[in-house]
């Protein structure tokens, strides 16, 4: 899975070049930790900010938080990054991550 994720995200840094503005816009919402974490809508960095969220990311999408382009896409949600992942971020992985996020106590 890690190899697939790394390979799938290999071209991500090039794809993200034109998406800097939306990523920055997402960062403006980073302080809203009271809301439940969403695998589809929460910026990846916000999920990774808590030990439990990072563990869920690492379990369901190994290599995502250590990817060389992480700083470029961490302000985006997984649904935003998914089309650029060449299939490495599947709907099933997002659903499994959400199930783990739902178990995190606020």
N, C-alpha and C. Protein backbone atom coordinates (compact mmCIF):
# COMPACT_ATOMS: atom_id res chain seq x y z
N UNK A 1 0.83 -1.19 0.00
CA UNK A 1 0.00 0.00 0.00
C UNK A 1 0.87 1.25 0.00
N UNK A 2 1.97 1.25 0.80
CA UNK A 2 2.84 2.41 0.87
C UNK A 2 3.46 2.69 -0.49
N UNK A 3 3.90 1.63 -1.18
CA UNK A 3 4.49 1.81 -2.50
C UNK A 3 3.45 2.36 -3.47
N UNK A 4 2.22 1.86 -3.41
CA UNK A 4 1.17 2.34 -4.28
C UNK A 4 0.87 3.80 -3.99
N UNK A 5 0.81 4.18 -2.73
CA UNK A 5 0.53 5.57 -2.38
C UNK A 5 1.65 6.47 -2.86
N UNK A 6 2.88 6.05 -2.64
CA UNK A 6 4.03 6.85 -3.06
C UNK A 6 4.03 6.99 -4.58
N UNK A 7 3.79 5.91 -5.28
CA UNK A 7 3.75 5.96 -6.74
C UNK A 7 2.58 6.80 -7.23
N UNK A 8 1.44 6.65 -6.59
CA UNK A 8 0.26 7.39 -7.00
C UNK A 8 0.38 8.88 -6.78
N UNK A 9 1.13 9.27 -5.77
CA UNK A 9 1.30 10.69 -5.46
C UNK A 9 2.57 11.27 -6.06
N UNK A 10 3.30 10.47 -6.85
CA UNK A 10 4.58 10.92 -7.39
C UNK A 10 4.45 12.20 -8.20
N UNK A 11 3.42 12.32 -9.00
CA UNK A 11 3.25 13.51 -9.81
C UNK A 11 2.44 14.59 -9.14
N UNK A 12 2.14 14.40 -7.89
CA UNK A 12 1.26 15.31 -7.18
C UNK A 12 1.83 16.71 -7.07
N UNK A 13 3.13 16.85 -6.82
CA UNK A 13 3.69 18.19 -6.65
C UNK A 13 3.52 19.01 -7.90
N UNK A 14 3.60 18.40 -9.07
CA UNK A 14 3.38 19.14 -10.31
C UNK A 14 1.90 19.51 -10.45
N UNK A 15 1.02 18.59 -10.09
CA UNK A 15 -0.41 18.85 -10.19
C UNK A 15 -0.86 19.93 -9.23
N UNK A 16 -0.17 20.08 -8.11
CA UNK A 16 -0.57 21.03 -7.09
C UNK A 16 -0.09 22.45 -7.37
N UNK A 17 0.76 22.64 -8.34
CA UNK A 17 1.34 23.95 -8.60
C UNK A 17 0.26 25.02 -8.77
N UNK A 18 -0.81 24.69 -9.43
CA UNK A 18 -1.89 25.66 -9.65
C UNK A 18 -2.92 25.70 -8.55
N UNK A 19 -2.74 24.93 -7.51
CA UNK A 19 -3.74 24.84 -6.46
C UNK A 19 -3.31 25.50 -5.16
N UNK A 20 -2.30 26.33 -5.19
CA UNK A 20 -1.80 26.95 -3.96
C UNK A 20 -2.85 27.81 -3.28
N UNK A 21 -3.62 28.56 -4.03
CA UNK A 21 -4.62 29.44 -3.43
C UNK A 21 -5.68 28.66 -2.65
N UNK A 22 -6.28 27.57 -3.22
CA UNK A 22 -7.25 26.82 -2.42
C UNK A 22 -6.62 26.21 -1.17
N UNK A 23 -5.37 25.79 -1.28
CA UNK A 23 -4.71 25.21 -0.11
C UNK A 23 -4.55 26.25 0.98
N UNK A 24 -4.19 27.46 0.61
CA UNK A 24 -4.05 28.52 1.59
C UNK A 24 -5.40 28.88 2.19
N UNK A 25 -6.44 28.84 1.38
CA UNK A 25 -7.78 29.15 1.88
C UNK A 25 -8.20 28.13 2.93
N UNK A 26 -7.83 26.86 2.74
CA UNK A 26 -8.15 25.83 3.72
C UNK A 26 -7.46 26.09 5.05
N UNK A 27 -6.21 26.61 5.00
CA UNK A 27 -5.47 26.87 6.22
C UNK A 27 -6.16 27.89 7.10
N UNK A 28 -6.97 28.76 6.53
CA UNK A 28 -7.67 29.77 7.30
C UNK A 28 -8.67 29.14 8.26
N UNK A 29 -9.08 27.90 7.98
CA UNK A 29 -10.06 27.21 8.82
C UNK A 29 -9.40 26.25 9.80
N UNK A 30 -8.09 26.27 9.89
CA UNK A 30 -7.36 25.30 10.71
C UNK A 30 -7.68 25.41 12.20
N UNK A 31 -8.15 26.55 12.67
CA UNK A 31 -8.41 26.73 14.08
C UNK A 31 -9.74 26.18 14.56
N UNK A 32 -10.50 25.56 13.70
CA UNK A 32 -11.82 25.05 14.07
C UNK A 32 -11.74 23.59 14.50
N UNK A 33 -11.01 23.33 15.58
CA UNK A 33 -10.80 21.96 16.04
C UNK A 33 -12.03 21.38 16.73
N UNK A 34 -13.00 22.21 17.10
CA UNK A 34 -14.17 21.72 17.81
C UNK A 34 -15.05 20.85 16.91
N UNK A 35 -14.99 21.05 15.63
CA UNK A 35 -15.80 20.27 14.70
C UNK A 35 -15.22 18.86 14.59
N UNK A 36 -16.10 17.92 14.29
CA UNK A 36 -15.66 16.55 14.09
C UNK A 36 -14.75 16.48 12.87
N UNK A 37 -13.75 15.61 12.94
CA UNK A 37 -12.84 15.44 11.81
C UNK A 37 -13.54 14.68 10.69
N UNK A 38 -13.36 15.17 9.48
CA UNK A 38 -13.99 14.55 8.33
C UNK A 38 -12.91 14.12 7.34
N UNK A 39 -12.92 12.86 6.96
CA UNK A 39 -11.96 12.35 5.98
C UNK A 39 -12.16 13.03 4.63
N UNK A 40 -13.36 13.51 4.37
CA UNK A 40 -13.65 14.14 3.08
C UNK A 40 -13.43 15.64 3.06
N UNK A 41 -13.62 16.32 4.19
CA UNK A 41 -13.63 17.78 4.18
C UNK A 41 -12.56 18.47 5.02
N UNK A 42 -12.05 17.81 6.03
CA UNK A 42 -11.06 18.42 6.92
C UNK A 42 -9.70 18.44 6.23
N UNK A 43 -8.98 19.56 6.29
CA UNK A 43 -7.62 19.56 5.73
C UNK A 43 -6.78 18.45 6.38
N UNK A 44 -5.94 17.83 5.58
CA UNK A 44 -5.13 16.71 6.04
C UNK A 44 -4.28 17.11 7.25
N UNK A 45 -3.73 18.31 7.23
CA UNK A 45 -2.89 18.77 8.36
C UNK A 45 -3.69 18.84 9.65
N UNK A 46 -4.97 19.19 9.57
CA UNK A 46 -5.81 19.25 10.76
C UNK A 46 -6.05 17.85 11.33
N UNK A 47 -6.20 16.87 10.46
CA UNK A 47 -6.36 15.50 10.92
C UNK A 47 -5.07 15.03 11.58
N UNK A 48 -3.95 15.33 10.94
CA UNK A 48 -2.64 14.88 11.44
C UNK A 48 -2.20 15.63 12.68
N UNK A 49 -2.87 16.73 13.02
CA UNK A 49 -2.47 17.55 14.18
C UNK A 49 -2.64 16.82 15.50
N UNK A 50 -3.57 15.89 15.57
CA UNK A 50 -3.76 15.12 16.81
C UNK A 50 -3.08 13.76 16.64
N UNK A 51 -2.54 13.23 17.73
CA UNK A 51 -1.90 11.91 17.64
C UNK A 51 -2.84 10.83 17.11
N UNK A 52 -4.11 10.89 17.52
CA UNK A 52 -5.07 9.89 17.08
C UNK A 52 -5.37 10.03 15.59
N UNK A 53 -5.51 11.27 15.13
CA UNK A 53 -5.77 11.53 13.72
C UNK A 53 -4.60 11.09 12.85
N UNK A 54 -3.38 11.41 13.30
CA UNK A 54 -2.19 11.00 12.54
C UNK A 54 -2.09 9.48 12.49
N UNK A 55 -2.38 8.82 13.61
CA UNK A 55 -2.35 7.36 13.63
C UNK A 55 -3.36 6.78 12.64
N UNK A 56 -4.55 7.38 12.57
CA UNK A 56 -5.58 6.91 11.63
C UNK A 56 -5.12 7.13 10.19
N UNK A 57 -4.50 8.28 9.91
CA UNK A 57 -3.97 8.52 8.56
C UNK A 57 -2.89 7.50 8.22
N UNK A 58 -1.96 7.29 9.15
CA UNK A 58 -0.85 6.36 8.90
C UNK A 58 -1.35 4.93 8.71
N UNK A 59 -2.41 4.57 9.41
CA UNK A 59 -2.98 3.22 9.29
C UNK A 59 -3.65 3.03 7.94
N UNK A 60 -4.45 4.00 7.53
CA UNK A 60 -5.26 3.85 6.33
C UNK A 60 -4.58 4.33 5.04
N UNK A 61 -3.65 5.25 5.17
CA UNK A 61 -2.93 5.78 4.01
C UNK A 61 -1.44 5.89 4.36
N UNK A 62 -0.78 4.75 4.56
CA UNK A 62 0.62 4.79 4.97
C UNK A 62 1.47 5.58 3.97
N UNK A 63 2.33 6.41 4.51
CA UNK A 63 3.22 7.21 3.68
C UNK A 63 2.69 8.57 3.31
N UNK A 64 1.42 8.83 3.59
CA UNK A 64 0.84 10.13 3.22
C UNK A 64 1.49 11.27 3.98
N UNK A 65 1.62 11.15 5.29
CA UNK A 65 2.15 12.26 6.09
C UNK A 65 3.66 12.40 5.96
N UNK A 66 4.33 11.42 5.36
CA UNK A 66 5.77 11.51 5.15
C UNK A 66 6.11 11.71 3.68
N UNK A 67 5.09 11.88 2.85
CA UNK A 67 5.30 12.07 1.41
C UNK A 67 6.11 13.34 1.17
N UNK A 68 6.97 13.32 0.18
CA UNK A 68 7.84 14.48 -0.10
C UNK A 68 7.06 15.74 -0.47
N UNK A 69 5.84 15.60 -0.95
CA UNK A 69 5.03 16.76 -1.32
C UNK A 69 3.99 17.11 -0.25
N UNK A 70 4.10 16.50 0.93
CA UNK A 70 3.11 16.71 2.00
C UNK A 70 2.86 18.18 2.28
N UNK A 71 3.91 18.97 2.36
CA UNK A 71 3.74 20.40 2.65
C UNK A 71 2.91 21.10 1.58
N UNK A 72 2.89 20.57 0.38
CA UNK A 72 2.13 21.18 -0.70
C UNK A 72 0.65 20.82 -0.67
N UNK A 73 0.31 19.66 -0.12
CA UNK A 73 -1.10 19.26 -0.12
C UNK A 73 -1.73 19.14 1.25
N UNK A 74 -0.99 19.39 2.32
CA UNK A 74 -1.52 19.19 3.66
C UNK A 74 -2.68 20.12 4.00
N UNK A 75 -2.81 21.24 3.33
CA UNK A 75 -3.92 22.16 3.57
C UNK A 75 -5.18 21.79 2.81
N UNK A 76 -5.11 20.72 2.05
CA UNK A 76 -6.25 20.25 1.25
C UNK A 76 -6.90 19.05 1.93
N UNK A 77 -8.14 18.80 1.59
CA UNK A 77 -8.81 17.60 2.10
C UNK A 77 -8.41 16.41 1.23
N UNK A 78 -8.66 15.21 1.74
CA UNK A 78 -8.36 14.01 0.95
C UNK A 78 -9.18 13.97 -0.33
N UNK A 79 -10.42 14.47 -0.28
CA UNK A 79 -11.26 14.49 -1.49
C UNK A 79 -10.66 15.41 -2.54
N UNK A 80 -9.98 16.49 -2.12
CA UNK A 80 -9.34 17.38 -3.07
C UNK A 80 -8.08 16.74 -3.67
N UNK A 81 -7.36 15.98 -2.85
CA UNK A 81 -6.12 15.35 -3.31
C UNK A 81 -6.41 14.08 -4.10
N UNK A 82 -7.50 13.41 -3.81
CA UNK A 82 -7.83 12.11 -4.41
C UNK A 82 -7.72 12.07 -5.93
N UNK A 83 -8.25 13.04 -6.67
CA UNK A 83 -8.15 12.95 -8.14
C UNK A 83 -6.71 13.00 -8.67
N UNK A 84 -5.81 13.56 -7.90
CA UNK A 84 -4.42 13.68 -8.31
C UNK A 84 -3.57 12.51 -7.85
N UNK A 85 -4.17 11.58 -7.08
CA UNK A 85 -3.42 10.49 -6.48
C UNK A 85 -3.30 9.27 -7.39
N UNK A 86 -3.85 9.32 -8.56
CA UNK A 86 -3.80 8.21 -9.52
C UNK A 86 -4.32 6.91 -8.90
N UNK A 87 -5.37 7.01 -8.11
CA UNK A 87 -6.00 5.85 -7.51
C UNK A 87 -5.43 5.43 -6.16
N UNK A 88 -4.37 6.08 -5.70
CA UNK A 88 -3.76 5.70 -4.42
C UNK A 88 -4.66 6.02 -3.24
N UNK A 89 -5.49 7.06 -3.37
CA UNK A 89 -6.45 7.41 -2.31
C UNK A 89 -7.81 6.99 -2.83
N UNK A 90 -8.24 5.82 -2.39
CA UNK A 90 -9.51 5.25 -2.87
C UNK A 90 -10.68 5.69 -1.98
N UNK A 91 -11.87 5.52 -2.51
CA UNK A 91 -13.08 5.79 -1.71
C UNK A 91 -13.10 4.88 -0.48
N UNK A 92 -12.65 3.63 -0.65
CA UNK A 92 -12.63 2.69 0.47
C UNK A 92 -11.66 3.14 1.56
N UNK A 93 -10.51 3.69 1.16
CA UNK A 93 -9.53 4.17 2.16
C UNK A 93 -10.10 5.36 2.91
N UNK A 94 -10.83 6.23 2.21
CA UNK A 94 -11.44 7.39 2.86
C UNK A 94 -12.52 6.94 3.84
N UNK A 95 -13.31 5.94 3.44
CA UNK A 95 -14.35 5.40 4.33
C UNK A 95 -13.74 4.75 5.57
N UNK A 96 -12.66 3.99 5.39
CA UNK A 96 -12.00 3.34 6.51
C UNK A 96 -11.39 4.39 7.45
N UNK A 97 -10.81 5.43 6.87
CA UNK A 97 -10.26 6.51 7.69
C UNK A 97 -11.37 7.18 8.48
N UNK A 98 -12.50 7.45 7.84
CA UNK A 98 -13.60 8.09 8.53
C UNK A 98 -14.09 7.25 9.70
N UNK A 99 -14.15 5.94 9.52
CA UNK A 99 -14.57 5.04 10.61
C UNK A 99 -13.61 5.19 11.81
N UNK A 100 -12.32 5.29 11.53
CA UNK A 100 -11.35 5.47 12.61
C UNK A 100 -11.46 6.87 13.23
N UNK A 101 -11.71 7.88 12.41
CA UNK A 101 -11.86 9.24 12.94
C UNK A 101 -13.09 9.36 13.82
N UNK A 102 -14.14 8.63 13.46
CA UNK A 102 -15.37 8.65 14.26
C UNK A 102 -15.17 8.09 15.68
N UNK A 103 -14.14 7.29 15.85
CA UNK A 103 -13.85 6.69 17.15
C UNK A 103 -13.06 7.64 18.06
N UNK A 104 -12.53 8.72 17.50
CA UNK A 104 -11.73 9.66 18.27
C UNK A 104 -12.65 10.51 19.12
N UNK A 105 -12.37 10.59 20.41
CA UNK A 105 -13.17 11.40 21.32
C UNK A 105 -12.71 12.85 21.20
N UNK A 106 -13.68 13.72 21.25
CA UNK A 106 -13.39 15.16 21.15
C UNK A 106 -13.04 15.73 22.49
